[in-house]
C-alpha atoms as a PDB file:
ATOM      1  CA  MET A   1      35.516  40.069  51.976  1.00  0.00           C
ATOM      2  CA  ALA A   2      33.046  37.906  50.103  1.00  0.00           C
ATOM      3  CA  ASP A   3      32.511  34.404  51.461  1.00  0.00           C
ATOM      4  CA  TYR A   4      33.952  32.504  48.511  1.00  0.00           C
ATOM      5  CA  GLY A   5      34.039  28.772  48.294  1.00  0.00           C
ATOM      6  CA  THR A   6      37.160  27.014  47.058  1.00  0.00           C
ATOM      7  CA  CYS A   7      38.071  26.993  43.370  1.00  0.00           C
ATOM      8  CA  ILE A   8      39.325  23.495  42.537  1.00  0.00           C
ATOM      9  CA  ILE A   9      41.324  23.322  39.314  1.00  0.00           C
ATOM     10  CA  LEU A  10      41.843  19.864  37.842  1.00  0.00           C
ATOM     11  CA  LEU A  11      45.124  19.609  35.964  1.00  0.00           C
ATOM     12  CA  PRO A  12      47.077  16.945  34.055  1.00  0.00           C
ATOM     13  CA  GLU A  13      50.318  15.540  35.415  1.00  0.00           C
ATOM     14  CA  LYS A  14      52.926  18.194  36.168  1.00  0.00           C
ATOM     15  CA  ARG A  15      55.237  16.781  33.486  1.00  0.00           C
ATOM     16  CA  PHE A  16      52.976  18.256  30.807  1.00  0.00           C
ATOM     17  CA  PHE A  17      54.140  21.729  31.911  1.00  0.00           C
ATOM     18  CA  SER A  18      57.828  20.767  31.947  1.00  0.00           C
ATOM     19  CA  GLY A  19      60.098  23.677  31.024  1.00  0.00           C
ATOM     20  CA  GLN A  20      57.430  26.325  31.545  1.00  0.00           C
ATOM     21  CA  LYS A  21      57.981  29.073  34.101  1.00  0.00           C
ATOM     22  CA  LEU A  22      55.630  30.677  36.578  1.00  0.00           C
ATOM     23  CA  SER A  23      54.981  34.359  35.979  1.00  0.00           C
ATOM     24  CA  ASP A  24      56.404  36.844  38.477  1.00  0.00           C
ATOM     25  CA  GLY A  25      52.926  37.784  39.651  1.00  0.00           C
ATOM     26  CA  PHE A  26      51.937  34.164  40.238  1.00  0.00           C
ATOM     27  CA  THR A  27      55.271  33.381  41.952  1.00  0.00           C
ATOM     28  CA  HIS A  28      54.547  36.159  44.466  1.00  0.00           C
ATOM     29  CA  TYR A  29      51.689  34.011  45.778  1.00  0.00           C
ATOM     30  CA  ALA A  30      53.049  30.578  44.875  1.00  0.00           C
ATOM     31  CA  CYS A  31      55.972  30.888  47.278  1.00  0.00           C
ATOM     32  CA  ARG A  32      53.360  30.895  50.054  1.00  0.00           C
ATOM     33  CA  PHE A  33      51.421  27.863  48.791  1.00  0.00           C
ATOM     34  CA  GLY A  34      50.843  24.772  50.865  1.00  0.00           C
ATOM     35  CA  PHE A  35      51.716  21.384  49.346  1.00  0.00           C
ATOM     36  CA  GLU A  36      50.072  17.975  49.569  1.00  0.00           C
ATOM     37  CA  THR A  37      50.579  14.585  47.956  1.00  0.00           C
ATOM     38  CA  CYS A  38      47.717  12.211  47.158  1.00  0.00           C
ATOM     39  CA  GLU A  39      47.255   9.011  45.170  1.00  0.00           C
ATOM     40  CA  PRO A  40      48.162   9.483  41.484  1.00  0.00           C
ATOM     41  CA  GLY A  41      45.873   8.825  38.525  1.00  0.00           C
ATOM     42  CA  GLU A  42      42.937  10.672  36.960  1.00  0.00           C
ATOM     43  CA  SER A  43      40.397   8.270  38.431  1.00  0.00           C
ATOM     44  CA  ARG A  44      41.720   8.922  41.960  1.00  0.00           C
ATOM     45  CA  GLN A  45      41.772  12.613  41.140  1.00  0.00           C
ATOM     46  CA  LEU A  46      38.038  12.559  40.390  1.00  0.00           C
ATOM     47  CA  GLN A  47      37.246  10.392  43.405  1.00  0.00           C
ATOM     48  CA  ARG A  48      38.755  13.060  45.659  1.00  0.00           C
ATOM     49  CA  HIS A  49      35.904  15.376  44.646  1.00  0.00           C
ATOM     50  CA  PHE A  50      32.969  13.088  43.770  1.00  0.00           C
ATOM     51  CA  ARG A  51      31.702  10.319  46.042  1.00  0.00           C
ATOM     52  CA  CYS A  52      29.350   7.629  44.814  1.00  0.00           C
ATOM     53  CA  GLN A  53      26.904   6.377  47.449  1.00  0.00           C
ATOM     54  CA  SER A  54      27.378   2.739  46.462  1.00  0.00           C
ATOM     55  CA  GLY A  55      30.087   1.269  48.602  1.00  0.00           C
ATOM     56  CA  SER A  56      33.633   1.244  47.303  1.00  0.00           C
ATOM     57  CA  SER A  57      32.812   0.815  43.600  1.00  0.00           C
ATOM     58  CA  TRP A  58      33.250   3.511  40.964  1.00  0.00           C
ATOM     59  CA  PRO A  59      30.440   2.619  38.504  1.00  0.00           C
ATOM     60  CA  MET A  60      31.214   5.125  35.786  1.00  0.00           C
ATOM     61  CA  ALA A  61      29.666   3.019  33.025  1.00  0.00           C
ATOM     62  CA  ALA A  62      26.217   3.097  34.635  1.00  0.00           C
ATOM     63  CA  LEU A  63      26.534   6.814  35.421  1.00  0.00           C
ATOM     64  CA  CYS A  64      27.607   7.647  31.859  1.00  0.00           C
ATOM     65  CA  ARG A  65      24.879   5.458  30.371  1.00  0.00           C
ATOM     66  CA  GLN A  66      22.217   7.130  32.502  1.00  0.00           C
ATOM     67  CA  HIS A  67      23.496  10.588  31.566  1.00  0.00           C
ATOM     68  CA  ASP A  68      23.788   9.604  27.903  1.00  0.00           C
ATOM     69  CA  LEU A  69      20.612   7.596  27.255  1.00  0.00           C
ATOM     70  CA  GLY A  70      18.741   7.466  30.571  1.00  0.00           C
ATOM     71  CA  ASP A  71      18.245   3.700  30.554  1.00  0.00           C
ATOM     72  CA  ALA A  72      20.815   2.372  33.060  1.00  0.00           C
ATOM     73  CA  GLY A  73      18.073   0.891  35.248  1.00  0.00           C
ATOM     74  CA  THR A  74      19.250  -1.841  37.618  1.00  0.00           C
ATOM     75  CA  TYR A  75      21.513  -3.525  35.086  1.00  0.00           C
ATOM     76  CA  CYS A  76      25.236  -3.960  35.528  1.00  0.00           C
ATOM     77  CA  TRP A  77      27.183  -1.906  32.970  1.00  0.00           C
ATOM     78  CA  LEU A  78      30.692  -1.626  31.586  1.00  0.00           C
ATOM     79  CA  ARG A  79      32.130   0.971  29.259  1.00  0.00           C
ATOM     80  CA  ALA A  80      34.044  -0.338  26.239  1.00  0.00           C
ATOM     81  CA  ASP A  81      36.289   2.528  25.148  1.00  0.00           C
ATOM     82  CA  PRO A  82      38.217   2.482  21.845  1.00  0.00           C
ATOM     83  CA  ILE A  83      42.002   2.244  22.203  1.00  0.00           C
ATOM     84  CA  TYR A  84      45.021   2.083  19.932  1.00  0.00           C
ATOM     85  CA  LEU A  85      47.577  -0.584  20.840  1.00  0.00           C
ATOM     86  CA  GLN A  86      51.150  -0.513  19.625  1.00  0.00           C
ATOM     87  CA  ALA A  87      52.838  -3.899  19.380  1.00  0.00           C
ATOM     88  CA  GLU A  88      56.123  -4.404  21.243  1.00  0.00           C
ATOM     89  CA  MET A  89      58.610  -7.249  21.562  1.00  0.00           C
ATOM     90  CA  ARG A  90      56.785  -8.833  24.493  1.00  0.00           C
ATOM     91  CA  GLY A  91      53.285  -7.465  24.296  1.00  0.00           C
ATOM     92  CA  ALA A  92      51.411  -4.277  23.484  1.00  0.00           C
ATOM     93  CA  ARG A  93      51.215  -0.776  24.881  1.00  0.00           C
ATOM     94  CA  VAL A  94      48.223   1.590  24.939  1.00  0.00           C
ATOM     95  CA  MET A  95      49.184   4.698  22.966  1.00  0.00           C
ATOM     96  CA  VAL A  96      45.781   6.370  22.492  1.00  0.00           C
ATOM     97  CA  CYS A  97      42.543   5.931  24.417  1.00  0.00           C
ATOM     98  CA  SER A  98      40.401   8.888  23.362  1.00  0.00           C
ATOM     99  CA  ASP A  99      39.735  11.423  20.591  1.00  0.00           C
ATOM    100  CA  PHE A 100      39.169   8.955  17.748  1.00  0.00           C
ATOM    101  CA  ALA A 101      36.336  11.148  16.434  1.00  0.00           C
ATOM    102  CA  LEU A 102      34.284   8.200  15.186  1.00  0.00           C
ATOM    103  CA  SER A 103      31.381   9.131  12.937  1.00  0.00           C
ATOM    104  CA  PRO A 104      27.879   7.733  13.589  1.00  0.00           C
ATOM    105  CA  ASP A 105      28.405   5.346  10.666  1.00  0.00           C
ATOM    106  CA  ASP A 106      31.721   4.182  12.154  1.00  0.00           C
ATOM    107  CA  VAL A 107      30.053   3.552  15.507  1.00  0.00           C
ATOM    108  CA  MET A 108      27.216   1.508  14.010  1.00  0.00           C
ATOM    109  CA  ALA A 109      29.680  -0.502  11.907  1.00  0.00           C
ATOM    110  CA  ALA A 110      31.631  -1.376  15.033  1.00  0.00           C
ATOM    111  CA  VAL A 111      28.468  -2.386  16.907  1.00  0.00           C
ATOM    112  CA  SER A 112      27.374  -4.657  14.035  1.00  0.00           C
ATOM    113  CA  ALA A 113      30.761  -6.350  13.949  1.00  0.00           C
ATOM    114  CA  LEU A 114      31.225  -6.808  17.686  1.00  0.00           C
ATOM    115  CA  GLN A 115      27.744  -7.382  19.103  1.00  0.00           C
ATOM    116  CA  PRO A 116      27.586 -11.121  18.177  1.00  0.00           C
ATOM    117  CA  ALA A 117      30.733 -11.880  20.205  1.00  0.00           C
ATOM    118  CA  PHE A 118      29.205 -10.325  23.332  1.00  0.00           C
ATOM    119  CA  ALA A 119      25.848 -11.991  22.730  1.00  0.00           C
ATOM    120  CA  ASP A 120      27.578 -15.376  22.928  1.00  0.00           C
ATOM    121  CA  TYR A 121      28.352 -14.595  26.578  1.00  0.00           C
ATOM    122  CA  GLY A 122      24.901 -13.225  27.374  1.00  0.00           C
ATOM    123  CA  PHE A 123      25.911  -9.564  27.174  1.00  0.00           C
ATOM    124  CA  ILE A 124      24.405  -6.758  25.062  1.00  0.00           C
ATOM    125  CA  PHE A 125      26.878  -4.495  23.249  1.00  0.00           C
ATOM    126  CA  SER A 126      25.558  -1.092  22.181  1.00  0.00           C
ATOM    127  CA  ALA A 127      26.569   2.483  21.437  1.00  0.00           C
ATOM    128  CA  GLY A 128      25.925   5.728  23.249  1.00  0.00           C
ATOM    129  CA  ASN A 129      25.244   9.135  21.745  1.00  0.00           C
ATOM    130  CA  ASP A 130      28.811  10.425  22.018  1.00  0.00           C
ATOM    131  CA  GLY A 131      30.660   7.654  20.191  1.00  0.00           C
ATOM    132  CA  SER A 132      31.094   5.564  23.331  1.00  0.00           C
ATOM    133  CA  PHE A 133      30.266   1.878  23.681  1.00  0.00           C
ATOM    134  CA  TYR A 134      28.568   0.029  26.534  1.00  0.00           C
ATOM    135  CA  ILE A 135      28.205  -3.569  27.651  1.00  0.00           C
ATOM    136  CA  ARG A 136      24.983  -4.448  29.488  1.00  0.00           C
ATOM    137  CA  CYS A 137      25.354  -7.430  31.789  1.00  0.00           C
ATOM    138  CA  PRO A 138      22.695  -9.327  33.748  1.00  0.00           C
ATOM    139  CA  GLU A 139      22.039  -8.169  37.301  1.00  0.00           C
ATOM    140  CA  ASN A 140      24.490  -9.462  39.941  1.00  0.00           C
ATOM    141  CA  THR A 141      27.180 -10.136  37.329  1.00  0.00           C
ATOM    142  CA  GLU A 142      30.589 -10.212  39.036  1.00  0.00           C
ATOM    143  CA  LEU A 143      33.081  -8.043  37.171  1.00  0.00           C
ATOM    144  CA  PRO A 144      36.864  -7.874  37.519  1.00  0.00           C
ATOM    145  CA  ASP A 145      38.347  -4.601  38.753  1.00  0.00           C
ATOM    146  CA  PHE A 146      39.447  -3.079  35.437  1.00  0.00           C
ATOM    147  CA  LEU A 147      41.827  -0.125  35.428  1.00  0.00           C
ATOM    148  CA  PRO A 148      39.946   3.078  34.452  1.00  0.00           C
ATOM    149  CA  VAL A 149      40.683   4.036  30.867  1.00  0.00           C
ATOM    150  CA  MET A 150      41.947   7.492  31.842  1.00  0.00           C
ATOM    151  CA  ASP A 151      44.791   5.797  33.764  1.00  0.00           C
ATOM    152  CA  LEU A 152      45.590   3.316  30.982  1.00  0.00           C
ATOM    153  CA  LEU A 153      47.522   5.581  28.618  1.00  0.00           C
ATOM    154  CA  GLY A 154      51.090   4.364  28.173  1.00  0.00           C
ATOM    155  CA  CYS A 155      50.514   1.136  30.097  1.00  0.00           C
ATOM    156  CA  ASP A 156      51.852  -2.240  29.033  1.00  0.00           C
ATOM    157  CA  LEU A 157      48.809  -4.498  28.803  1.00  0.00           C
ATOM    158  CA  ALA A 158      50.713  -7.461  30.211  1.00  0.00           C
ATOM    159  CA  GLY A 159      49.910  -6.437  33.760  1.00  0.00           C
ATOM    160  CA  GLN A 160      46.457  -4.978  33.134  1.00  0.00           C
ATOM    161  CA  LEU A 161      44.397  -7.707  31.480  1.00  0.00           C
ATOM    162  CA  SER A 162      41.858  -9.552  33.589  1.00  0.00           C
ATOM    163  CA  VAL A 163      42.574 -13.091  34.766  1.00  0.00           C
ATOM    164  CA  SER A 164      38.963 -13.919  33.873  1.00  0.00           C
ATOM    165  CA  ARG A 165      38.837 -16.182  30.830  1.00  0.00           C
ATOM    166  CA  THR A 166      35.577 -14.591  29.721  1.00  0.00           C
ATOM    167  CA  TRP A 167      36.889 -11.038  29.584  1.00  0.00           C
ATOM    168  CA  THR A 168      40.270 -12.031  28.185  1.00  0.00           C
ATOM    169  CA  ALA A 169      38.490 -13.917  25.396  1.00  0.00           C
ATOM    170  CA  LEU A 170      36.232 -10.949  24.658  1.00  0.00           C
ATOM    171  CA  PHE A 171      39.201  -8.575  24.621  1.00  0.00           C
ATOM    172  CA  ASN A 172      40.990 -10.817  22.124  1.00  0.00           C
ATOM    173  CA  GLU A 173      37.886 -11.288  19.965  1.00  0.00           C
ATOM    174  CA  CYS A 174      37.450  -7.524  19.732  1.00  0.00           C
ATOM    175  CA  GLN A 175      41.057  -7.164  18.565  1.00  0.00           C
ATOM    176  CA  ILE A 176      40.596  -9.843  15.917  1.00  0.00           C
ATOM    177  CA  SER A 177      37.318  -8.347  14.648  1.00  0.00           C
ATOM    178  CA  LEU A 178      38.738  -4.826  14.485  1.00  0.00           C
ATOM    179  CA  HIS A 179      42.112  -5.696  12.955  1.00  0.00           C
ATOM    180  CA  ASN A 180      41.009  -5.849   9.309  1.00  0.00           C
ATOM    181  CA  HIS A 181      37.592  -4.234   9.694  1.00  0.00           C
ATOM    182  CA  PRO A 182      36.672  -1.845   6.832  1.00  0.00           C
ATOM    183  CA  LEU A 183      36.389   0.916   9.449  1.00  0.00           C
ATOM    184  CA  ASN A 184      40.108   0.672  10.188  1.00  0.00           C
ATOM    185  CA  VAL A 185      41.109   0.081   6.583  1.00  0.00           C
ATOM    186  CA  GLN A 186      39.484   3.416   5.709  1.00  0.00           C
ATOM    187  CA  ARG A 187      40.958   5.172   8.744  1.00  0.00           C
ATOM    188  CA  GLN A 188      44.444   4.101   7.732  1.00  0.00           C
ATOM    189  CA  ARG A 189      43.830   5.303   4.159  1.00  0.00           C
ATOM    190  CA  ASP A 190      42.837   8.641   5.676  1.00  0.00           C
ATOM    191  CA  ARG A 191      46.046   8.594   7.781  1.00  0.00           C
ATOM    192  CA  GLN A 192      44.106   8.210  11.014  1.00  0.00           C
ATOM    193  CA  LEU A 193      44.999   5.864  13.833  1.00  0.00           C
ATOM    194  CA  PRO A 194      42.998   2.627  13.733  1.00  0.00           C
ATOM    195  CA  VAL A 195      40.805   1.477  16.595  1.00  0.00           C
ATOM    196  CA  ASN A 196      42.425  -1.897  17.236  1.00  0.00           C
ATOM    197  CA  GLY A 197      41.004  -2.694  20.653  1.00  0.00           C
ATOM    198  CA  LEU A 198      38.375  -1.922  23.278  1.00  0.00           C
ATOM    199  CA  TRP A 199      39.040  -1.435  26.973  1.00  0.00           C
ATOM    200  CA  PHE A 200      36.399  -2.511  29.485  1.00  0.00           C
ATOM    201  CA  TRP A 201      36.112  -0.444  32.662  1.00  0.00           C
ATOM    202  CA  GLY A 202      33.795   1.400  35.058  1.00  0.00           C
ATOM    203  CA  GLY A 203      31.712  -1.667  35.934  1.00  0.00           C
ATOM    204  CA  GLY A 204      28.774  -1.606  38.316  1.00  0.00           C
ATOM    205  CA  VAL A 205      25.166  -0.588  38.787  1.00  0.00           C
ATOM    206  CA  LEU A 206      23.784   2.929  38.969  1.00  0.00           C
ATOM    207  CA  PRO A 207      24.452   4.360  42.465  1.00  0.00           C
ATOM    208  CA  THR A 208      21.660   5.875  44.520  1.00  0.00           C
ATOM    209  CA  SER A 209      23.367   9.270  44.427  1.00  0.00           C
ATOM    210  CA  VAL A 210      26.637  11.123  43.898  1.00  0.00           C
ATOM    211  CA  ALA A 211      27.874  13.668  46.436  1.00  0.00           C
ATOM    212  CA  HIS A 212      30.127  16.670  45.853  1.00  0.00           C
ATOM    213  CA  SER A 213      30.633  20.219  47.178  1.00  0.00           C
ATOM    214  CA  PHE A 214      30.243  22.220  43.961  1.00  0.00           C
ATOM    215  CA  LYS A 215      27.750  24.881  43.015  1.00  0.00           C
ATOM    216  CA  SER A 216      29.172  24.944  39.487  1.00  0.00           C
ATOM    217  CA  VAL A 217      31.272  22.642  37.302  1.00  0.00           C
ATOM    218  CA  THR A 218      33.078  23.695  34.132  1.00  0.00           C
ATOM    219  CA  SER A 219      34.049  20.707  32.006  1.00  0.00           C
ATOM    220  CA  THR A 220      33.364  19.096  28.645  1.00  0.00           C
ATOM    221  CA  ASP A 221      34.460  15.650  29.851  1.00  0.00           C
ATOM    222  CA  PRO A 222      31.490  13.235  29.611  1.00  0.00           C
ATOM    223  CA  VAL A 223      32.615  11.433  32.773  1.00  0.00           C
ATOM    224  CA  ILE A 224      32.543  14.625  34.835  1.00  0.00           C
ATOM    225  CA  ARG A 225      29.262  15.701  33.243  1.00  0.00           C
ATOM    226  CA  ALA A 226      27.774  12.341  34.190  1.00  0.00           C
ATOM    227  CA  LEU A 227      28.969  12.713  37.781  1.00  0.00           C
ATOM    228  CA  GLU A 228      27.616  16.260  38.026  1.00  0.00           C
ATOM    229  CA  ASN A 229      24.221  15.380  36.550  1.00  0.00           C
ATOM    230  CA  SER A 230      23.830  12.425  38.916  1.00  0.00           C
ATOM    231  CA  SER A 231      23.947  14.817  41.872  1.00  0.00           C
ATOM    232  CA  ASN A 232      21.502  17.223  43.401  1.00  0.00           C
ATOM    233  CA  PRO A 233      22.239  20.730  42.080  1.00  0.00           C
ATOM    234  CA  LYS A 234      24.002  23.392  44.147  1.00  0.00           C
ATOM    235  CA  GLN A 235      25.191  21.105  46.914  1.00  0.00           C
ATOM    236  CA  GLY A 236      27.923  23.475  48.084  1.00  0.00           C
ATOM    237  CA  ARG A 237      29.832  26.707  47.557  1.00  0.00           C
ATOM    238  CA  ASP A 238      32.885  25.425  45.680  1.00  0.00           C
ATOM    239  CA  VAL A 239      33.522  25.574  41.931  1.00  0.00           C
ATOM    240  CA  LEU A 240      35.308  22.997  39.789  1.00  0.00           C
ATOM    241  CA  VAL A 241      37.267  23.945  36.664  1.00  0.00           C
ATOM    242  CA  ASP A 242      38.524  21.062  34.525  1.00  0.00           C
ATOM    243  CA  LEU A 243      41.792  22.041  32.790  1.00  0.00           C
ATOM    244  CA  ARG A 244      43.236  18.556  32.276  1.00  0.00           C
ATOM    245  CA  HIS A 245      43.383  19.237  28.537  1.00  0.00           C
ATOM    246  CA  VAL A 246      45.488  22.391  28.953  1.00  0.00           C
ATOM    247  CA  ARG A 247      49.223  22.321  28.211  1.00  0.00           C
ATOM    248  CA  SER A 248      49.982  26.055  28.529  1.00  0.00           C
ATOM    249  CA  TRP A 249      50.699  27.214  32.082  1.00  0.00           C
ATOM    250  CA  PRO A 250      49.721  30.876  31.444  1.00  0.00           C
ATOM    251  CA  GLU A 251      46.213  29.618  30.641  1.00  0.00           C
ATOM    252  CA  VAL A 252      46.095  27.913  34.053  1.00  0.00           C
ATOM    253  CA  GLU A 253      47.289  31.073  35.798  1.00  0.00           C
ATOM    254  CA  SER A 254      44.436  33.028  34.173  1.00  0.00           C
ATOM    255  CA  HIS A 255      42.000  31.055  36.351  1.00  0.00           C
ATOM    256  CA  PHE A 256      43.754  31.965  39.614  1.00  0.00           C
ATOM    257  CA  ASP A 257      42.140  34.612  41.815  1.00  0.00           C
ATOM    258  CA  PRO A 258      44.270  35.390  44.913  1.00  0.00           C
ATOM    259  CA  LEU A 259      41.124  36.548  46.731  1.00  0.00           C
ATOM    260  CA  ARG A 260      39.645  33.062  46.528  1.00  0.00           C
ATOM    261  CA  PRO A 261      40.802  29.798  48.184  1.00  0.00           C
ATOM    262  CA  THR A 262      42.250  27.676  45.393  1.00  0.00           C
ATOM    263  CA  LEU A 263      43.357  24.079  45.032  1.00  0.00           C
ATOM    264  CA  PHE A 264      45.526  23.062  42.056  1.00  0.00           C
ATOM    265  CA  ASP A 265      44.947  19.321  41.786  1.00  0.00           C
ATOM    266  CA  PHE A 266      47.385  17.544  39.432  1.00  0.00           C
ATOM    267  CA  ALA A 267      46.688  14.064  38.062  1.00  0.00           C
ATOM    268  CA  ASP A 268      50.026  12.799  39.417  1.00  0.00           C
ATOM    269  CA  GLY A 269      48.802  13.381  42.977  1.00  0.00           C
ATOM    270  CA  THR A 270      50.545  16.731  43.556  1.00  0.00           C
ATOM    271  CA  ARG A 271      48.328  19.436  45.084  1.00  0.00           C
ATOM    272  CA  TRP A 272      49.042  23.126  45.603  1.00  0.00           C
ATOM    273  CA  CYS A 273      46.827  24.875  48.159  1.00  0.00           C
ATOM    274  CA  TRP A 274      46.143  28.584  48.543  1.00  0.00           C
ATOM    275  CA  ARG A 275      44.242  30.630  51.129  1.00  0.00           C
ATOM    276  CA  PRO A 276      43.792  34.426  50.714  1.00  0.00           C
ATOM    277  CA  SER A 277      44.923  35.057  54.306  1.00  0.00           C
ATOM    278  CA  TRP A 278      48.355  33.651  53.432  1.00  0.00           C
ATOM    279  CA  ARG A 279      49.171  36.746  51.342  1.00  0.00           C
ATOM    280  CA  LEU A 280      49.532  38.654  54.633  1.00  0.00           C
ATOM    281  CA  ARG A 281      52.426  36.471  55.723  1.00  0.00           C
ATOM    282  CA  PHE A 282      55.787  38.213  55.752  1.00  0.00           C
ATOM    283  CA  TRP A 283      57.754  34.986  55.374  1.00  0.00           C
ATOM    284  CA  ARG A 284      57.922  32.545  52.540  1.00  0.00           C
ATOM    285  CA  TRP A 285      57.899  28.786  52.380  1.00  0.00           C
ATOM    286  CA  LYS A 286      61.215  27.141  51.624  1.00  0.00           C
ATOM    287  CA  SER A 287      59.738  25.379  48.584  1.00  0.00           C
ATOM    288  CA  ILE A 288      58.581  27.218  45.475  1.00  0.00           C
ATOM    289  CA  PRO A 289      56.527  25.248  42.915  1.00  0.00           C
ATOM    290  CA  VAL A 290      58.507  24.130  39.893  1.00  0.00           C
ATOM    291  CA  PHE A 291      57.851  21.818  36.947  1.00  0.00           C
END
C-alpha cells in the first residue's frame, strides 16, 4: 500500500449539516471512526495545524499583510475587518463579518474617511489588495487580546470589546464615521448590508517562521494562504483541504478516500479520525457519527 500522509479536512461546525444523513457507503467506515474533542472555534482549529514560531501569539495581521503586500517588516500590525452589527435591546450583535464584496472604490472611500481617526493615535490605517484593512502600529505597541474575527460571528459585543480606552474609542469612531457614510447609503439603496463597524484582531509582529506538516494545501481563504506562504514548502506528507464553506455533506464525503488516513476537523472542536487498517476490524464502535 502506498505510504500516504493524512488528509486533514477542515469543516464548519457540525450544526451546519443538521438533518443531513451519511450515505450507506460512508457509514460502513464511519462506524469504525475514532472520536476526539478539542477546543472550539475556527482560530483554534487553524492553530491545531499551523504553529507560529513567535511565542504564544497568533499574529495573523502581520502574516496576511506580508502575503498581501510584502511590507510587514518589523512593525506591529492589526487587521481591521468589516462587520455588520445588529442593534439589540442592550447592545449589538455581530451578524456578518465577511463577504461584503467591497469594490476598490469602496475600499479607498473607507480609508479616506477612517485614516484621520487612526492618525490621531499614531497609527496608520491602510487597505490591502483583497478588500481587507490593516492598522500599522509602532514597534513594541502593546495590544489587547482581541477575539479572532472568524470566531466573532453571532457574538454579543458586550463581552468582547477591549477595556483599553484607546481601542474602544477607535471602535466607536469607526462606527460613527461609517454610519451615514455615502458608501453605506449606496449599499442600502442597492439592498446590500452596510459595513457599520470594523473589528480589530490578529495583532503582533511577523513571526520568524510558520510550521506545518502539509505538502499541499487546498483553500481560497486568505488567512490559510498567508499561513501556507509563510512556511517552507513541502514540509511533510499530509494534505489539507479547507471545506469550511461547504454546507452539503455529500460534497464532504466526495473527499474521503478509505485507503488514506483522514481527519475530519470540525470548527466546534469535534474530530473524526480514520485509519485504513480499521476497515479490517470485525467489530464496530458503539457510537456512529450523527449531526
